[in-house]
């Protein structure tokens, strides 16, 4: 979360960076790019500077907080007047916005797993208990034969119901990250980018977690089918007990994760994450790990006036009246010189025409006064056409060459946020899944590109032509000039100018 908290100029309450209006008093927040220094909470800036000195997180890390820290930040960000009443001055109710990501605790994970398996476990216990109670024995040819027909029938029904329930649960979790247990415990599962995990990831999680239970159930069903009830008790039952112990260890394994207790063993295998949506934000429903993204321009220093090298024209002055030349009498025998005219029509002496008035003699034009700055030996600047904008291209490390225009989203499967205007979507193949679905936001600006990391999982960096590499902070735009190389995940592209 960006710690650069701004204050509303009208009511002096905290507002989110990039917001169009104050959520407390409703005042519009225009011209955000030219905000003043007094609108910045300097305490938050100091905290941000301290965090920067402590070092930026390494690649692959995700910014998460504990449930207690998230609750404390929400209470601190809420104004005192909003905390004391549930109604804003405009009459609306208070909206509590959660922007932090909180990993699900091991206890909530275990509780959700138990709730998810209560129904199938009850079905299996009931069907197998009735089937075992219905076993009969008969003696044939000196041997005791057990009739397990009812057990096989009811056990098959119980297993079929359990398998159907598992597939339904898999489909729901694949699309929304939600299950019965997740809903009741307030947690959601997601992929590495914070979106719905998908069927493949949920299936891998299930196999890693319940593999032992599944093996014990299959062995027990096979032994029951061949009538080996004794082997069921000595082989299948111990396997299922060990499988249950393994499942519990896998579910709570996130408690030993060194990366903020974010991933368990099943998450590492399936590349998934689990978040607490009661204490923090639900990434599946709010744009993934990057969250609701603000496209407000980054604050830049004011433009300094530059004196133009071209001299400005002198102020226009009224032209002085030009005296008319004195009329002179023409010499005898000579006719006054007239300006050259076009060819005259042929004269017909028999056709009478009325006399015409004499045409006025045009006055000689006065030569223009030379400008004092004009110099015949000086090269004069010709007013040329406006300079064409630079054509920028990127060459990705796989040889793909793309011309940039406007705003571009780059990633494994880039998609704009709701209401976001984007000219280009540039997907980059990445079998190793080192880049996020929407990894970078590019915006062409003159002879360079503003590059913003969209809170990617594995981070981004820029290497300038002189070899200086700078890691990009999530959500902070950095101006990149041609000749630089941008690294995103395990991939990179070179920015050039056509």
Protein backbone atom coordinates (compact mmCIF):
# COMPACT_ATOMS: atom_id res chain seq x y z
CA UNK A 1 0.00 0.00 0.00
CA UNK A 2 1.31 3.43 -0.91
CA UNK A 3 2.20 5.35 2.22
CA UNK A 4 2.11 8.72 0.44
CA UNK A 5 -1.23 9.62 2.01
CA UNK A 6 -2.72 12.91 0.82
CA UNK A 7 -5.11 15.18 2.68
CA UNK A 8 -8.31 16.66 1.29
CA UNK A 9 -7.85 20.46 0.90
CA UNK A 10 -11.41 21.06 2.16
CA UNK A 11 -11.80 18.82 5.23
CA UNK A 12 -8.14 17.73 5.78
CA UNK A 13 -9.04 14.03 5.95
CA UNK A 14 -6.96 11.32 4.31
CA UNK A 15 -7.71 10.45 0.69
CA UNK A 16 -6.35 7.68 -1.48
CA UNK A 17 -3.75 8.61 -4.13
CA UNK A 18 -5.48 8.97 -7.48
CA UNK A 19 -8.99 9.43 -6.01
CA UNK A 20 -11.29 11.78 -7.92
CA UNK A 21 -13.17 13.01 -4.85
CA UNK A 22 -12.95 12.94 -1.05
CA UNK A 23 -14.94 10.05 0.44
CA UNK A 24 -15.59 12.08 3.61
CA UNK A 25 -16.83 15.48 2.43
CA UNK A 26 -17.38 14.75 -1.26
CA UNK A 27 -15.15 17.60 -2.48
CA UNK A 28 -13.70 17.02 -5.98
CA UNK A 29 -9.93 16.52 -6.11
CA UNK A 30 -8.88 18.02 -9.42
CA UNK A 31 -5.38 18.63 -10.78
CA UNK A 32 -3.85 15.83 -8.72
CA UNK A 33 -0.56 16.08 -10.62
CA UNK A 34 0.01 19.63 -9.27
CA UNK A 35 -0.70 18.91 -5.60
CA UNK A 36 0.97 21.09 -3.01
CA UNK A 37 3.42 20.06 -0.37
CA UNK A 38 0.98 20.91 2.43
CA UNK A 39 -1.41 18.21 1.20
CA UNK A 40 1.06 15.43 1.97
CA UNK A 41 1.16 13.60 5.28
CA UNK A 42 4.82 13.93 6.20
CA UNK A 43 4.60 11.29 8.93
CA UNK A 44 3.71 8.71 6.31
CA UNK A 45 6.49 9.98 4.07
CA UNK A 46 9.00 9.50 6.89
CA UNK A 47 7.74 5.96 7.46
CA UNK A 48 8.09 5.26 3.75
CA UNK A 49 11.67 6.57 3.74
CA UNK A 50 12.51 4.35 6.70
CA UNK A 51 11.06 1.34 4.90
CA UNK A 52 13.09 2.17 1.80
CA UNK A 53 16.31 2.34 3.85
CA UNK A 54 15.55 -1.09 5.28
CA UNK A 55 15.65 -2.53 1.78
CA UNK A 56 13.13 -3.45 -0.89
CA UNK A 57 11.64 -6.94 -0.98
CA UNK A 58 13.40 -9.39 -3.20
CA UNK A 59 11.99 -10.89 -6.37
CA UNK A 60 9.10 -13.28 -5.79
CA UNK A 61 8.00 -11.71 -2.51
CA UNK A 62 4.48 -10.36 -2.03
CA UNK A 63 3.65 -7.45 0.23
CA UNK A 64 1.44 -8.90 2.98
CA UNK A 65 0.70 -7.95 6.58
CA UNK A 66 -0.67 -9.80 9.56
CA UNK A 67 -4.34 -9.58 10.49
CA UNK A 68 -3.56 -7.43 13.56
CA UNK A 69 -1.42 -5.01 11.52
CA UNK A 70 -4.09 -4.73 8.82
CA UNK A 71 -6.75 -3.92 11.43
CA UNK A 72 -4.47 -1.32 13.01
CA UNK A 73 -3.78 0.38 9.68
CA UNK A 74 -7.49 0.49 8.82
CA UNK A 75 -8.31 2.08 12.18
CA UNK A 76 -5.46 4.59 11.83
CA UNK A 77 -6.50 5.57 8.32
CA UNK A 78 -10.14 6.14 9.38
CA UNK A 79 -10.80 9.72 10.57
CA UNK A 80 -11.99 10.16 14.14
CA UNK A 81 -15.35 11.53 13.04
CA UNK A 82 -15.87 8.52 10.79
CA UNK A 83 -14.90 6.11 13.56
CA UNK A 84 -17.46 7.62 15.93
CA UNK A 85 -20.40 7.52 13.56
CA UNK A 86 -21.53 5.40 10.69
CA UNK A 87 -22.96 8.27 8.67
CA UNK A 88 -21.03 10.74 6.53
CA UNK A 89 -22.00 14.42 6.33
CA UNK A 90 -23.67 13.70 3.00
CA UNK A 91 -25.96 11.13 4.62
CA UNK A 92 -24.22 8.01 3.29
CA UNK A 93 -22.89 5.23 5.45
CA UNK A 94 -19.20 4.75 6.11
CA UNK A 95 -17.36 2.52 3.66
CA UNK A 96 -14.54 0.44 5.13
CA UNK A 97 -11.97 -0.18 2.40
CA UNK A 98 -9.43 -2.99 2.89
CA UNK A 99 -6.37 -2.64 0.72
CA UNK A 100 -3.90 -4.92 2.53
CA UNK A 101 -3.26 -8.56 1.66
CA UNK A 102 -3.42 -10.82 4.73
CA UNK A 103 -2.29 -14.46 4.45
CA UNK A 104 -4.68 -17.05 5.85
CA UNK A 105 -3.52 -18.51 9.15
CA UNK A 106 -2.88 -22.23 9.56
CA UNK A 107 -5.84 -22.49 11.95
CA UNK A 108 -8.26 -21.02 9.42
CA UNK A 109 -6.89 -23.29 6.71
CA UNK A 110 -7.41 -26.35 8.91
CA UNK A 111 -10.90 -25.21 9.91
CA UNK A 112 -11.89 -24.72 6.27
CA UNK A 113 -10.56 -28.17 5.31
CA UNK A 114 -12.50 -29.84 8.15
CA UNK A 115 -15.71 -28.06 7.14
CA UNK A 116 -15.22 -29.04 3.50
CA UNK A 117 -14.82 -32.72 4.42
CA UNK A 118 -17.59 -32.98 7.02
CA UNK A 119 -20.27 -33.88 4.47
CA UNK A 120 -18.36 -36.55 2.50
CA UNK A 121 -16.92 -37.98 5.72
CA UNK A 122 -20.41 -38.29 7.19
CA UNK A 123 -21.63 -40.02 4.01
CA UNK A 124 -18.70 -42.47 3.99
CA UNK A 125 -18.99 -43.30 7.69
CA UNK A 126 -22.73 -43.86 7.42
CA UNK A 127 -22.63 -46.05 4.32
CA UNK A 128 -19.67 -48.14 5.48
CA UNK A 129 -21.11 -48.54 8.99
CA UNK A 130 -24.39 -49.84 7.63
CA UNK A 131 -22.55 -52.07 5.16
CA UNK A 132 -20.27 -53.55 7.85
CA UNK A 133 -23.25 -54.15 10.13
CA UNK A 134 -24.97 -56.03 7.31
CA UNK A 135 -22.12 -58.50 6.75
CA UNK A 136 -23.26 -62.09 7.22
CA UNK A 137 -21.17 -65.23 7.46
CA UNK A 138 -21.92 -68.74 6.31
CA UNK A 139 -19.97 -71.99 6.49
CA UNK A 140 -19.37 -73.78 3.22
CA UNK A 141 -17.25 -76.89 2.84
CA UNK A 142 -15.66 -76.23 6.20
CA UNK A 143 -14.82 -72.60 5.38
CA UNK A 144 -16.39 -69.45 6.77
CA UNK A 145 -17.60 -67.24 3.93
CA UNK A 146 -18.49 -63.58 4.57
CA UNK A 147 -21.29 -62.03 2.54
CA UNK A 148 -20.14 -58.45 1.89
CA UNK A 149 -22.61 -57.64 -0.87
CA UNK A 150 -24.37 -54.93 1.14
CA UNK A 151 -21.04 -53.38 2.16
CA UNK A 152 -19.83 -53.26 -1.44
CA UNK A 153 -23.11 -51.72 -2.58
CA UNK A 154 -23.32 -49.04 0.10
CA UNK A 155 -19.59 -48.40 -0.01
CA UNK A 156 -19.75 -47.84 -3.77
CA UNK A 157 -22.63 -45.41 -3.30
CA UNK A 158 -20.71 -43.52 -0.62
CA UNK A 159 -17.58 -43.32 -2.77
CA UNK A 160 -19.60 -42.16 -5.79
CA UNK A 161 -21.25 -39.40 -3.76
CA UNK A 162 -17.86 -38.36 -2.38
CA UNK A 163 -16.26 -38.23 -5.83
CA UNK A 164 -19.17 -36.18 -7.22
CA UNK A 165 -18.93 -33.79 -4.26
CA UNK A 166 -15.18 -33.41 -4.83
CA UNK A 167 -15.65 -32.49 -8.50
CA UNK A 168 -18.37 -29.95 -7.68
CA UNK A 169 -16.15 -28.41 -5.00
CA UNK A 170 -13.21 -28.38 -7.42
CA UNK A 171 -15.23 -26.50 -10.04
CA UNK A 172 -16.43 -23.88 -7.55
CA UNK A 173 -12.97 -23.26 -6.12
CA UNK A 174 -11.38 -23.17 -9.57
CA UNK A 175 -13.64 -20.27 -10.64
CA UNK A 176 -13.85 -18.25 -7.43
CA UNK A 177 -11.29 -19.57 -4.94
CA UNK A 178 -14.21 -20.28 -2.62
CA UNK A 179 -15.55 -23.43 -0.96
CA UNK A 180 -17.99 -24.13 1.84
CA UNK A 181 -15.18 -24.09 4.39
CA UNK A 182 -13.48 -21.07 2.81
CA UNK A 183 -16.72 -19.11 2.94
CA UNK A 184 -17.36 -19.92 6.60
CA UNK A 185 -13.74 -19.26 7.66
CA UNK A 186 -13.34 -16.12 5.51
CA UNK A 187 -10.45 -17.24 3.30
CA UNK A 188 -9.94 -17.49 -0.47
CA UNK A 189 -7.45 -19.41 -2.59
CA UNK A 190 -5.88 -17.87 -5.71
CA UNK A 191 -3.12 -18.38 -8.22
CA UNK A 192 0.28 -16.69 -7.98
CA UNK A 193 -1.15 -13.45 -9.43
CA UNK A 194 -4.14 -13.27 -7.08
CA UNK A 195 -6.77 -14.42 -9.57
CA UNK A 196 -8.99 -17.53 -9.50
CA UNK A 197 -6.70 -20.57 -9.16
CA UNK A 198 -8.11 -22.68 -12.01
CA UNK A 199 -9.00 -26.37 -12.14
CA UNK A 200 -5.44 -27.62 -12.67
CA UNK A 201 -4.04 -25.87 -9.60
CA UNK A 202 -6.96 -26.98 -7.39
CA UNK A 203 -6.53 -30.58 -8.58
CA UNK A 204 -2.80 -30.54 -7.74
CA UNK A 205 -3.57 -29.10 -4.29
CA UNK A 206 -6.10 -31.85 -3.68
CA UNK A 207 -3.72 -34.62 -4.74
CA UNK A 208 -0.89 -33.32 -2.54
CA UNK A 209 -3.21 -32.91 0.44
CA UNK A 210 -5.43 -35.98 0.20
CA UNK A 211 -3.18 -38.38 -1.68
CA UNK A 212 -2.80 -40.70 1.33
CA UNK A 213 -6.53 -40.80 1.99
CA UNK A 214 -7.24 -41.49 -1.66
CA UNK A 215 -4.73 -44.34 -1.73
CA UNK A 216 -6.22 -45.92 1.38
CA UNK A 217 -9.75 -45.64 -0.05
CA UNK A 218 -8.74 -47.27 -3.34
CA UNK A 219 -6.94 -50.14 -1.59
CA UNK A 220 -9.91 -50.68 0.72
CA UNK A 221 -12.37 -50.74 -2.18
CA UNK A 222 -10.28 -53.29 -4.07
CA UNK A 223 -9.93 -55.54 -1.01
CA UNK A 224 -13.66 -55.34 -0.33
CA UNK A 225 -14.42 -56.22 -3.93
CA UNK A 226 -12.41 -59.44 -3.64
CA UNK A 227 -13.86 -60.24 -0.22
CA UNK A 228 -10.70 -59.72 1.86
CA UNK A 229 -12.29 -58.02 4.85
CA UNK A 230 -9.39 -58.89 7.15
CA UNK A 231 -6.89 -57.20 4.88
CA UNK A 232 -9.06 -54.10 4.82
CA UNK A 233 -8.64 -53.74 8.58
CA UNK A 234 -4.89 -54.39 8.52
CA UNK A 235 -3.88 -52.54 5.32
CA UNK A 236 -6.49 -50.07 4.10
CA UNK A 237 -7.46 -48.68 7.49
CA UNK A 238 -3.85 -47.88 8.57
CA UNK A 239 -3.24 -46.29 5.17
CA UNK A 240 -6.23 -44.02 5.64
CA UNK A 241 -5.10 -43.06 9.15
CA UNK A 242 -1.64 -42.15 7.86
CA UNK A 243 -3.26 -40.28 4.98
CA UNK A 244 -5.36 -38.24 7.41
CA UNK A 245 -2.26 -37.32 9.44
CA UNK A 246 -0.43 -36.32 6.26
CA UNK A 247 -3.38 -34.18 5.13
CA UNK A 248 -3.41 -32.30 8.44
CA UNK A 249 0.34 -31.63 8.21
CA UNK A 250 0.01 -30.36 4.65
CA UNK A 251 -2.89 -28.04 5.51
CA UNK A 252 -1.04 -26.40 8.42
CA UNK A 253 2.38 -26.40 6.70
CA UNK A 254 2.00 -22.68 5.93
CA UNK A 255 2.86 -22.02 9.59
CA UNK A 256 6.49 -22.91 8.78
CA UNK A 257 6.71 -20.86 5.58
CA UNK A 258 9.49 -18.27 5.72
CA UNK A 259 7.83 -16.02 3.11
CA UNK A 260 5.31 -14.38 5.44
CA UNK A 261 3.52 -17.68 6.20
CA UNK A 262 1.96 -17.33 2.78
CA UNK A 263 2.44 -20.76 1.19
CA UNK A 264 1.99 -24.33 2.38
CA UNK A 265 3.44 -27.43 0.76
CA UNK A 266 0.38 -27.82 -1.45
CA UNK A 267 0.63 -24.15 -2.46
CA UNK A 268 4.26 -24.50 -3.50
CA UNK A 269 3.39 -27.54 -5.62
CA UNK A 270 0.39 -25.89 -7.30
CA UNK A 271 1.74 -22.28 -7.26
CA UNK A 272 -1.27 -21.01 -5.34
CA UNK A 273 -1.86 -18.64 -2.42
CA UNK A 274 -4.51 -18.40 0.32
CA UNK A 275 -5.62 -15.06 1.80
CA UNK A 276 -7.74 -14.00 4.76
CA UNK A 277 -10.55 -11.89 3.24
CA UNK A 278 -12.10 -10.97 6.60
CA UNK A 279 -8.97 -9.21 7.83
CA UNK A 280 -7.75 -8.01 4.42
CA UNK A 281 -8.60 -7.65 0.77
CA UNK A 282 -9.98 -10.40 -1.46
CA UNK A 283 -7.59 -10.36 -4.45
CA UNK A 284 -9.79 -12.63 -6.58
CA UNK A 285 -12.58 -10.02 -6.60
CA UNK A 286 -10.42 -6.85 -6.61
CA UNK A 287 -8.02 -7.20 -9.51
CA UNK A 288 -5.50 -9.74 -8.21
CA UNK A 289 -2.45 -9.03 -6.09
CA UNK A 290 -1.95 -5.64 -7.77
CA UNK A 291 -5.42 -4.61 -6.58
CA UNK A 292 -7.43 -1.57 -7.68
CA UNK A 293 -4.79 0.27 -9.69
CA UNK A 294 -4.58 4.03 -9.81
CA UNK A 295 -3.41 5.57 -13.06
CA UNK A 296 -2.82 9.04 -11.65
CA UNK A 297 0.34 10.56 -13.13
CA UNK A 298 3.46 10.60 -11.02
CA UNK A 299 4.27 13.98 -9.50
CA UNK A 300 6.98 15.72 -11.51
CA UNK A 301 8.94 18.88 -10.75
CA UNK A 302 7.45 22.06 -12.26
CA UNK A 303 8.61 22.97 -15.75
CA UNK A 304 11.16 25.79 -15.70
CA UNK A 305 10.75 28.55 -18.31
CA UNK A 306 13.35 28.40 -21.10
CA UNK A 307 14.41 31.48 -23.08
CA UNK A 308 13.96 30.86 -26.79
CA UNK A 309 17.07 31.51 -28.97
CA UNK A 310 14.85 32.95 -31.75
CA UNK A 311 14.42 36.77 -31.35
CA UNK A 312 10.85 37.84 -30.83
CA UNK A 313 9.36 40.20 -33.46
CA UNK A 314 9.34 43.91 -32.64
CA UNK A 315 5.96 45.36 -31.65
CA UNK A 316 3.93 46.50 -34.63
CA UNK A 317 3.83 50.26 -35.18
CA UNK A 318 1.56 52.36 -37.34
CA UNK A 319 3.15 53.04 -40.76
CA UNK A 320 4.13 56.64 -41.43
CA UNK A 321 2.12 58.41 -44.17
CA UNK A 322 3.96 58.46 -47.47
CA UNK A 323 3.85 61.84 -49.29
CA UNK A 324 2.38 61.74 -52.77
CA UNK A 325 4.91 62.51 -55.53
CA UNK A 326 4.57 65.90 -57.22
CA UNK A 327 2.94 65.90 -60.66
CA UNK A 328 5.31 66.95 -63.49
CA UNK A 329 4.45 68.26 -66.91
CA UNK A 330 5.50 65.93 -69.66
CA UNK A 331 7.92 67.23 -72.25
CA UNK A 332 6.49 68.49 -75.55
CA UNK A 333 6.10 65.85 -78.20
CA UNK A 334 6.31 63.08 -75.69
CA UNK A 335 3.54 61.07 -74.11
CA UNK A 336 3.52 60.12 -70.47
CA UNK A 337 4.89 56.69 -69.81
CA UNK A 338 2.14 54.29 -68.79
CA UNK A 339 2.57 50.98 -67.18
CA UNK A 340 2.53 48.00 -69.46
CA UNK A 341 -0.98 46.70 -70.01
CA UNK A 342 -2.34 43.60 -71.61
CA UNK A 343 -3.07 43.36 -75.31
CA UNK A 344 -5.71 45.95 -76.38
CA UNK A 345 -8.74 44.87 -78.36
CA UNK A 346 -8.79 45.83 -82.06
CA UNK A 347 -10.08 49.38 -82.79
CA UNK A 348 -13.17 49.82 -84.95
CA UNK A 349 -13.42 53.45 -86.26
CA UNK A 350 -17.08 53.02 -87.25
CA UNK A 351 -18.19 52.07 -83.73
CA UNK A 352 -18.93 54.99 -81.43
CA UNK A 353 -18.04 54.73 -77.76
CA UNK A 354 -18.75 57.23 -74.98
CA UNK A 355 -15.72 59.10 -73.68
CA UNK A 356 -14.06 57.47 -70.73
CA UNK A 357 -12.47 59.17 -67.78
CA UNK A 358 -8.69 59.06 -67.70
CA UNK A 359 -7.27 56.31 -65.56
CA UNK A 360 -5.29 57.44 -62.51
CA UNK A 361 -1.61 56.91 -62.71
CA UNK A 362 -0.56 54.39 -60.01
CA UNK A 363 1.84 55.74 -57.47
CA UNK A 364 5.25 54.18 -57.08
CA UNK A 365 5.40 51.70 -54.24
CA UNK A 366 7.48 52.66 -51.25
CA UNK A 367 10.21 50.09 -50.46
CA UNK A 368 9.77 48.34 -47.12
CA UNK A 369 11.97 49.57 -44.34
CA UNK A 370 14.65 46.99 -43.55
CA UNK A 371 14.38 45.38 -40.13
CA UNK A 372 17.28 46.47 -37.91
CA UNK A 373 18.05 42.80 -37.13
CA UNK A 374 18.19 41.76 -40.81
CA UNK A 375 21.66 40.79 -41.90
CA UNK A 376 22.33 39.71 -45.45
CA UNK A 377 25.25 37.57 -44.34
CA UNK A 378 23.22 35.81 -41.64
CA UNK A 379 21.55 32.45 -42.14
CA UNK A 380 17.84 32.79 -41.62
CA UNK A 381 15.69 30.10 -39.99
CA UNK A 382 12.96 28.77 -42.23
CA UNK A 383 9.68 27.99 -40.43
CA UNK A 384 9.53 24.22 -40.86
CA UNK A 385 6.86 21.70 -40.06
CA UNK A 386 6.32 20.48 -36.50
CA UNK A 387 8.80 17.85 -35.42
CA UNK A 388 7.36 14.36 -35.77
CA UNK A 389 7.08 12.29 -32.62
CA UNK A 390 9.68 9.62 -32.09
CA UNK A 391 8.70 6.10 -33.12
CA UNK A 392 9.60 3.77 -30.26
CA UNK A 393 9.99 0.01 -30.61
CA UNK A 394 10.82 -2.77 -28.20
CA UNK A 395 12.65 -5.97 -29.06
CA UNK A 396 11.81 -8.81 -26.67
CA UNK A 397 14.51 -11.36 -25.89
CA UNK A 398 12.71 -13.98 -28.02
CA UNK A 399 13.15 -11.80 -31.14
CA UNK A 400 9.68 -10.30 -31.18
CA UNK A 401 9.78 -6.68 -32.43
CA UNK A 402 6.81 -4.44 -31.53
CA UNK A 403 6.14 -0.76 -32.22
CA UNK A 404 4.70 1.06 -29.21
CA UNK A 405 1.80 3.47 -29.37
CA UNK A 406 -0.11 5.08 -26.51
CA UNK A 407 -0.46 2.79 -23.51
CA UNK A 408 0.56 -0.87 -23.53
CA UNK A 409 -0.07 -3.70 -21.06
CA UNK A 410 2.59 -6.42 -21.16
CA UNK A 411 2.47 -9.80 -19.46
CA UNK A 412 1.68 -13.48 -19.75
CA UNK A 413 -1.99 -12.74 -20.51
CA UNK A 414 -2.48 -8.97 -20.01
CA UNK A 415 -5.94 -7.57 -19.32
CA UNK A 416 -6.95 -3.98 -18.48
CA UNK A 417 -8.68 -3.01 -15.29
CA UNK A 418 -12.38 -2.04 -15.50
CA UNK A 419 -12.57 1.40 -17.11
CA UNK A 420 -8.88 1.44 -18.07
CA UNK A 421 -8.18 2.67 -21.62
CA UNK A 422 -5.39 0.72 -23.32
CA UNK A 423 -4.21 0.86 -26.93
CA UNK A 424 -2.15 -2.37 -26.96
CA UNK A 425 -2.20 -5.70 -25.16
CA UNK A 426 1.16 -7.43 -25.59
CA UNK A 427 1.17 -11.08 -24.43
CA UNK A 428 4.60 -12.68 -23.93
CA UNK A 429 4.97 -16.45 -23.85
CA UNK A 430 6.57 -17.69 -20.64
CA UNK A 431 6.53 -21.47 -20.08
CA UNK A 432 8.33 -21.00 -16.76
CA UNK A 433 5.57 -18.66 -15.50
CA UNK A 434 8.13 -16.15 -14.22
CA UNK A 435 6.07 -13.17 -15.41
CA UNK A 436 2.64 -12.18 -14.17
CA UNK A 437 -0.51 -12.05 -16.25
CA UNK A 438 -0.34 -8.24 -16.33
CA UNK A 439 3.29 -7.52 -15.47
CA UNK A 440 4.09 -4.05 -16.87
CA UNK A 441 2.21 -0.88 -17.88
CA UNK A 442 3.96 1.14 -20.61
CA UNK A 443 3.00 4.68 -21.65
CA UNK A 444 4.75 6.43 -24.54
CA UNK A 445 5.69 10.03 -23.70
CA UNK A 446 7.75 11.94 -26.26
CA UNK A 447 11.11 10.27 -26.81
CA UNK A 448 10.73 7.76 -23.96
CA UNK A 449 8.37 5.43 -22.14
CA UNK A 450 6.95 5.51 -18.62
CA UNK A 451 7.25 1.94 -17.25
CA UNK A 452 5.21 0.84 -14.22
CA UNK A 453 5.43 -2.52 -12.49
CA UNK A 454 1.87 -3.72 -11.86
CA UNK A 455 2.69 -5.40 -8.52
CA UNK A 456 4.14 -8.43 -10.28
CA UNK A 457 5.18 -11.52 -8.37
CA UNK A 458 8.82 -11.66 -9.54
CA UNK A 459 9.44 -7.93 -9.94
CA UNK A 460 11.00 -5.77 -12.68
CA UNK A 461 14.17 -3.75 -13.22
CA UNK A 462 15.66 -1.25 -15.71
CA UNK A 463 19.26 -1.27 -16.98
CA UNK A 464 20.40 2.01 -18.54
CA UNK A 465 22.86 2.12 -21.48
CA UNK A 466 25.73 2.83 -19.06
CA UNK A 467 25.02 -0.41 -17.15
CA UNK A 468 23.24 1.02 -14.10
CA UNK A 469 20.40 -1.28 -13.00
CA UNK A 470 17.46 -0.02 -10.92
CA UNK A 471 14.71 -2.19 -9.47
CA UNK A 472 11.18 -0.89 -10.10
CA UNK A 473 8.94 -0.29 -7.12
CA UNK A 474 5.39 -1.65 -7.65
CA UNK A 475 3.00 1.06 -8.82
CA UNK A 476 5.73 3.71 -9.31
CA UNK A 477 6.27 4.88 -12.91
CA UNK A 478 9.88 5.25 -14.11
CA UNK A 479 10.85 7.10 -17.31
CA UNK A 480 12.94 4.88 -19.61
CA UNK A 481 14.87 6.28 -22.58
CA UNK A 482 15.86 4.44 -25.78
CA UNK A 483 18.87 2.21 -25.36
CA UNK A 484 17.75 0.87 -21.98
CA UNK A 485 16.79 -2.72 -21.18
CA UNK A 486 13.75 -3.58 -19.06
CA UNK A 487 13.78 -6.89 -17.15
CA UNK A 488 10.48 -8.48 -16.09
CA UNK A 489 10.61 -11.87 -14.37
CA UNK A 490 13.09 -14.00 -16.32
CA UNK A 491 12.40 -12.08 -19.55
CA UNK A 492 13.55 -8.72 -20.89
CA UNK A 493 13.13 -6.30 -23.77
CA UNK A 494 15.31 -3.56 -25.30
CA UNK A 495 13.80 -0.13 -25.98
CA UNK A 496 14.86 1.41 -29.27
CA UNK A 497 13.91 4.30 -31.51
CA UNK A 498 13.02 3.79 -35.17
